């Protein structure tokens, strides 16, 4: 897609992001026959096994009119995974240990 279907403006490629616990994931489309019905509209209790044909969502935004077009990727994508760098976890753990030691020393001195 090179031009916007509405205004003819230039299109830029992007992604729909899913801000989740501890990371940012690419949005996915999935076919499923087990969507919650009635008042229970949350996805609580749904397992990843309930989803089939998982595909990434490609987003295209018109720079001129800001319209966003969403398309499911043709190639089936892998499951969402959170890629947290081990060095970040190490730094967080060291900061926590330093805080605990500081509190312990301040209580023992007083």
N, C-alpha and C. Protein backbone atom coordinates (compact mmCIF):
# COMPACT_ATOMS: atom_id res chain seq x y z
N UNK A 1 0.85 -1.17 0.00
CA UNK A 1 0.00 0.00 0.00
C UNK A 1 0.90 1.24 0.00
N UNK A 2 0.79 2.04 -1.04
CA UNK A 2 1.62 3.23 -1.18
C UNK A 2 0.87 4.52 -0.87
N UNK A 3 -0.40 4.57 -1.24
CA UNK A 3 -1.21 5.79 -1.10
C UNK A 3 -2.47 5.49 -0.30
N UNK A 4 -2.95 6.50 0.44
CA UNK A 4 -4.18 6.39 1.20
C UNK A 4 -5.37 6.27 0.24
N UNK A 5 -6.29 5.38 0.54
CA UNK A 5 -7.47 5.18 -0.31
C UNK A 5 -8.44 6.35 -0.21
N UNK A 6 -8.37 7.12 0.89
CA UNK A 6 -9.30 8.23 1.09
C UNK A 6 -8.80 9.55 0.53
N UNK A 7 -7.53 9.91 0.87
CA UNK A 7 -7.05 11.24 0.49
C UNK A 7 -5.85 11.21 -0.45
N UNK A 8 -5.29 10.03 -0.72
CA UNK A 8 -4.14 9.93 -1.60
C UNK A 8 -2.82 10.28 -0.95
N UNK A 9 -2.82 10.47 0.39
CA UNK A 9 -1.59 10.81 1.12
C UNK A 9 -0.63 9.63 1.21
N UNK A 10 0.58 9.93 1.64
CA UNK A 10 1.61 8.90 1.78
C UNK A 10 1.32 8.03 2.99
N UNK A 11 1.61 6.73 2.87
CA UNK A 11 1.35 5.75 3.93
C UNK A 11 2.66 5.35 4.59
N UNK A 12 2.64 5.25 5.94
CA UNK A 12 3.79 4.71 6.67
C UNK A 12 3.37 3.42 7.37
N UNK A 13 4.29 2.48 7.42
CA UNK A 13 4.02 1.19 8.05
C UNK A 13 4.32 1.27 9.54
N UNK A 14 3.48 0.62 10.36
CA UNK A 14 3.68 0.60 11.80
C UNK A 14 3.16 -0.68 12.40
N UNK A 15 2.86 -0.65 13.68
CA UNK A 15 2.37 -1.83 14.37
C UNK A 15 1.43 -1.40 15.48
N UNK A 16 0.48 -2.26 15.81
CA UNK A 16 -0.38 -2.08 16.96
C UNK A 16 0.35 -2.72 18.13
N UNK A 17 0.51 -1.98 19.23
CA UNK A 17 1.27 -2.48 20.37
C UNK A 17 0.34 -2.88 21.51
N UNK A 18 0.74 -3.91 22.23
CA UNK A 18 0.01 -4.41 23.39
C UNK A 18 0.91 -4.23 24.59
N UNK A 19 0.60 -3.22 25.43
CA UNK A 19 1.38 -2.99 26.64
C UNK A 19 0.88 -3.97 27.69
N UNK A 20 1.73 -4.90 28.06
CA UNK A 20 1.34 -5.95 28.99
C UNK A 20 2.29 -5.94 30.18
N UNK A 21 2.10 -6.85 31.09
CA UNK A 21 2.93 -6.92 32.29
C UNK A 21 4.38 -7.19 31.90
N UNK A 22 5.26 -6.22 32.11
CA UNK A 22 6.68 -6.42 31.91
C UNK A 22 7.17 -6.30 30.49
N UNK A 23 6.35 -5.84 29.56
CA UNK A 23 6.86 -5.74 28.19
C UNK A 23 5.85 -5.14 27.23
N UNK A 24 6.26 -5.05 25.99
CA UNK A 24 5.41 -4.58 24.91
C UNK A 24 5.41 -5.66 23.84
N UNK A 25 4.22 -6.07 23.43
CA UNK A 25 4.09 -7.14 22.45
C UNK A 25 3.39 -6.61 21.20
N UNK A 26 3.61 -7.28 20.09
CA UNK A 26 2.89 -6.94 18.87
C UNK A 26 1.49 -7.54 18.96
N UNK A 27 0.48 -6.78 18.55
CA UNK A 27 -0.90 -7.28 18.55
C UNK A 27 -1.03 -8.46 17.59
N UNK A 28 -1.94 -9.35 17.90
CA UNK A 28 -2.18 -10.53 17.09
C UNK A 28 -3.66 -10.63 16.72
N UNK A 29 -3.93 -11.28 15.61
CA UNK A 29 -5.28 -11.67 15.24
C UNK A 29 -5.34 -13.18 15.37
N UNK A 30 -6.46 -13.68 15.84
CA UNK A 30 -6.62 -15.12 15.94
C UNK A 30 -8.05 -15.52 15.69
N UNK A 31 -8.21 -16.59 14.98
CA UNK A 31 -9.53 -17.18 14.77
C UNK A 31 -9.84 -18.04 15.99
N UNK A 32 -11.06 -17.93 16.53
CA UNK A 32 -11.47 -18.78 17.64
C UNK A 32 -12.98 -18.96 17.61
N UNK A 33 -13.41 -20.11 18.07
CA UNK A 33 -14.84 -20.40 18.15
C UNK A 33 -15.35 -20.28 19.58
N UNK A 34 -14.48 -19.93 20.53
CA UNK A 34 -14.83 -19.93 21.94
C UNK A 34 -14.87 -18.54 22.56
N UNK A 35 -15.35 -17.54 21.83
CA UNK A 35 -15.43 -16.20 22.41
C UNK A 35 -16.50 -16.18 23.49
N UNK A 36 -16.25 -15.45 24.58
CA UNK A 36 -17.25 -15.36 25.66
C UNK A 36 -18.54 -14.74 25.15
N UNK A 37 -19.66 -15.22 25.66
CA UNK A 37 -20.98 -14.75 25.24
C UNK A 37 -21.69 -14.05 26.38
N UNK A 38 -22.66 -13.22 26.06
CA UNK A 38 -23.50 -12.58 27.07
C UNK A 38 -22.75 -11.57 27.91
N UNK A 39 -23.05 -11.56 29.21
CA UNK A 39 -22.45 -10.58 30.13
C UNK A 39 -20.97 -10.84 30.36
N UNK A 40 -20.53 -12.08 30.21
CA UNK A 40 -19.12 -12.43 30.42
C UNK A 40 -18.33 -12.14 29.15
N UNK A 41 -17.94 -10.89 28.95
CA UNK A 41 -17.25 -10.51 27.72
C UNK A 41 -15.75 -10.47 27.88
N UNK A 42 -15.25 -10.74 29.08
CA UNK A 42 -13.80 -10.74 29.30
C UNK A 42 -13.21 -12.04 28.78
N UNK A 43 -11.93 -12.02 28.53
CA UNK A 43 -11.24 -13.21 28.03
C UNK A 43 -10.66 -14.03 29.18
N UNK A 44 -11.18 -13.83 30.37
CA UNK A 44 -10.68 -14.58 31.52
C UNK A 44 -10.95 -16.07 31.32
N UNK A 45 -9.97 -16.87 31.60
CA UNK A 45 -10.15 -18.31 31.50
C UNK A 45 -9.90 -18.88 30.11
N UNK A 46 -9.67 -18.02 29.13
CA UNK A 46 -9.39 -18.53 27.79
C UNK A 46 -7.93 -18.97 27.73
N UNK A 47 -7.69 -20.08 27.11
CA UNK A 47 -6.33 -20.59 26.98
C UNK A 47 -5.81 -20.28 25.59
N UNK A 48 -4.50 -20.25 25.47
CA UNK A 48 -3.90 -19.99 24.16
C UNK A 48 -4.25 -21.10 23.18
N UNK A 49 -4.55 -22.29 23.70
CA UNK A 49 -4.93 -23.41 22.84
C UNK A 49 -6.27 -23.17 22.16
N UNK A 50 -7.10 -22.24 22.72
CA UNK A 50 -8.40 -21.92 22.12
C UNK A 50 -8.25 -21.11 20.84
N UNK A 51 -7.06 -20.57 20.60
CA UNK A 51 -6.85 -19.71 19.44
C UNK A 51 -6.15 -20.48 18.33
N UNK A 52 -6.54 -20.19 17.10
CA UNK A 52 -5.94 -20.84 15.93
C UNK A 52 -5.56 -19.76 14.93
N UNK A 53 -4.71 -20.13 14.01
CA UNK A 53 -4.38 -19.24 12.89
C UNK A 53 -3.90 -17.87 13.39
N UNK A 54 -2.91 -17.88 14.27
CA UNK A 54 -2.42 -16.64 14.88
C UNK A 54 -1.58 -15.87 13.87
N UNK A 55 -1.92 -14.60 13.69
CA UNK A 55 -1.21 -13.74 12.73
C UNK A 55 -0.95 -12.38 13.36
N UNK A 56 0.17 -11.78 13.02
CA UNK A 56 0.45 -10.41 13.46
C UNK A 56 -0.47 -9.45 12.72
N UNK A 57 -0.72 -8.31 13.36
CA UNK A 57 -1.51 -7.25 12.74
C UNK A 57 -0.54 -6.21 12.18
N UNK A 58 -0.62 -5.96 10.89
CA UNK A 58 0.17 -4.90 10.26
C UNK A 58 -0.69 -3.64 10.22
N UNK A 59 -0.12 -2.52 10.62
CA UNK A 59 -0.84 -1.25 10.63
C UNK A 59 -0.18 -0.30 9.63
N UNK A 60 -1.01 0.41 8.89
CA UNK A 60 -0.54 1.41 7.93
C UNK A 60 -1.29 2.71 8.22
N UNK A 61 -0.54 3.81 8.43
CA UNK A 61 -1.15 5.10 8.77
C UNK A 61 -0.87 6.12 7.68
N UNK A 62 -1.92 6.83 7.30
CA UNK A 62 -1.78 7.92 6.34
C UNK A 62 -1.19 9.12 7.06
N UNK A 63 -0.11 9.66 6.53
CA UNK A 63 0.55 10.81 7.14
C UNK A 63 -0.31 12.07 7.01
N UNK A 64 -1.12 12.14 5.96
CA UNK A 64 -1.93 13.34 5.70
C UNK A 64 -3.22 13.38 6.53
N UNK A 65 -4.01 12.29 6.53
CA UNK A 65 -5.32 12.32 7.20
C UNK A 65 -5.36 11.45 8.47
N UNK A 66 -4.27 10.75 8.78
CA UNK A 66 -4.14 9.92 9.97
C UNK A 66 -5.06 8.70 10.00
N UNK A 67 -5.62 8.32 8.91
CA UNK A 67 -6.42 7.10 8.88
C UNK A 67 -5.48 5.90 9.05
N UNK A 68 -5.93 4.91 9.81
CA UNK A 68 -5.13 3.72 10.05
C UNK A 68 -5.82 2.52 9.41
N UNK A 69 -5.06 1.79 8.61
CA UNK A 69 -5.54 0.56 7.99
C UNK A 69 -4.89 -0.62 8.69
N UNK A 70 -5.67 -1.62 9.04
CA UNK A 70 -5.15 -2.80 9.72
C UNK A 70 -5.33 -4.02 8.83
N UNK A 71 -4.27 -4.81 8.72
CA UNK A 71 -4.30 -6.03 7.90
C UNK A 71 -3.64 -7.16 8.68
N UNK A 72 -4.23 -8.35 8.59
CA UNK A 72 -3.61 -9.53 9.19
C UNK A 72 -2.48 -9.99 8.28
N UNK A 73 -1.37 -10.32 8.88
CA UNK A 73 -0.20 -10.78 8.13
C UNK A 73 -0.52 -12.12 7.46
N UNK A 74 0.00 -12.34 6.27
CA UNK A 74 -0.27 -13.58 5.56
C UNK A 74 0.44 -14.77 6.17
N UNK A 75 1.63 -14.53 6.75
CA UNK A 75 2.39 -15.62 7.36
C UNK A 75 1.95 -15.75 8.81
N UNK A 76 1.66 -16.97 9.22
CA UNK A 76 1.24 -17.19 10.59
C UNK A 76 2.43 -16.93 11.50
N UNK A 77 2.22 -16.11 12.52
CA UNK A 77 3.29 -15.66 13.42
C UNK A 77 3.41 -16.58 14.62
N UNK A 78 4.54 -16.48 15.27
CA UNK A 78 4.78 -17.23 16.50
C UNK A 78 3.96 -16.64 17.63
N UNK A 79 3.83 -17.36 18.71
CA UNK A 79 3.11 -16.89 19.88
C UNK A 79 3.85 -15.70 20.48
N UNK A 80 3.10 -14.81 21.15
CA UNK A 80 3.71 -13.67 21.83
C UNK A 80 4.68 -14.16 22.89
N UNK A 81 5.85 -13.59 22.91
CA UNK A 81 6.82 -13.90 23.95
C UNK A 81 7.41 -12.59 24.44
N UNK A 82 7.69 -12.55 25.72
CA UNK A 82 8.31 -11.37 26.30
C UNK A 82 9.81 -11.59 26.32
N UNK A 83 10.56 -10.69 25.72
CA UNK A 83 12.01 -10.81 25.66
C UNK A 83 12.63 -9.78 26.59
N UNK A 84 12.85 -10.19 27.84
CA UNK A 84 13.45 -9.30 28.83
C UNK A 84 14.94 -9.61 28.88
N UNK A 85 15.74 -8.60 28.76
CA UNK A 85 17.19 -8.78 28.78
C UNK A 85 17.64 -9.20 30.17
N UNK A 86 18.48 -10.22 30.28
CA UNK A 86 18.95 -10.68 31.59
C UNK A 86 19.68 -9.60 32.38
N UNK A 87 20.36 -8.68 31.71
CA UNK A 87 21.09 -7.63 32.41
C UNK A 87 20.14 -6.72 33.17
N UNK A 88 18.95 -6.48 32.61
CA UNK A 88 17.97 -5.63 33.29
C UNK A 88 17.50 -6.31 34.57
N UNK A 89 17.23 -7.61 34.49
CA UNK A 89 16.82 -8.34 35.68
C UNK A 89 17.91 -8.32 36.74
N UNK A 90 19.15 -8.46 36.33
CA UNK A 90 20.28 -8.42 37.26
C UNK A 90 20.36 -7.07 37.94
N UNK A 91 20.22 -5.99 37.17
CA UNK A 91 20.28 -4.65 37.76
C UNK A 91 19.14 -4.41 38.74
N UNK A 92 17.95 -4.89 38.42
CA UNK A 92 16.82 -4.73 39.33
C UNK A 92 17.07 -5.50 40.63
N UNK A 93 17.59 -6.72 40.50
CA UNK A 93 17.88 -7.52 41.70
C UNK A 93 18.95 -6.85 42.56
N UNK A 94 19.99 -6.31 41.93
CA UNK A 94 21.05 -5.63 42.68
C UNK A 94 20.52 -4.38 43.38
N UNK A 95 19.66 -3.64 42.72
CA UNK A 95 19.06 -2.45 43.33
C UNK A 95 18.21 -2.85 44.54
N UNK A 96 17.47 -3.94 44.44
CA UNK A 96 16.65 -4.42 45.54
C UNK A 96 17.52 -4.84 46.73
N UNK A 97 18.60 -5.56 46.46
CA UNK A 97 19.51 -5.99 47.52
C UNK A 97 20.15 -4.78 48.20
N UNK A 98 20.56 -3.79 47.42
CA UNK A 98 21.14 -2.57 47.97
C UNK A 98 20.14 -1.86 48.87
N UNK A 99 18.88 -1.78 48.44
CA UNK A 99 17.83 -1.14 49.24
C UNK A 99 17.62 -1.89 50.55
N UNK A 100 17.58 -3.21 50.49
CA UNK A 100 17.40 -4.03 51.70
C UNK A 100 18.57 -3.84 52.66
N UNK A 101 19.78 -3.84 52.14
CA UNK A 101 20.96 -3.64 52.99
C UNK A 101 20.95 -2.25 53.63
N UNK A 102 20.58 -1.26 52.88
CA UNK A 102 20.52 0.12 53.39
C UNK A 102 19.50 0.21 54.52
N UNK A 103 18.33 -0.39 54.34
CA UNK A 103 17.32 -0.36 55.39
C UNK A 103 17.79 -1.14 56.62
N UNK A 104 18.42 -2.28 56.41
CA UNK A 104 18.89 -3.08 57.52
C UNK A 104 19.94 -2.33 58.34
N UNK A 105 20.89 -1.68 57.65
CA UNK A 105 21.95 -0.94 58.34
C UNK A 105 21.37 0.25 59.09
N UNK A 106 20.41 0.95 58.48
CA UNK A 106 19.83 2.13 59.15
C UNK A 106 19.05 1.73 60.40
N UNK A 107 18.42 0.57 60.41
CA UNK A 107 17.69 0.12 61.59
C UNK A 107 18.64 -0.40 62.67
N UNK A 108 19.73 -1.02 62.29
CA UNK A 108 20.67 -1.55 63.29
C UNK A 108 21.50 -0.45 63.93
N UNK A 109 21.77 0.61 63.23
CA UNK A 109 22.57 1.72 63.77
C UNK A 109 21.74 2.49 64.80
N UNK A 110 20.49 2.68 64.53
CA UNK A 110 19.62 3.45 65.46
C UNK A 110 19.23 2.58 66.56
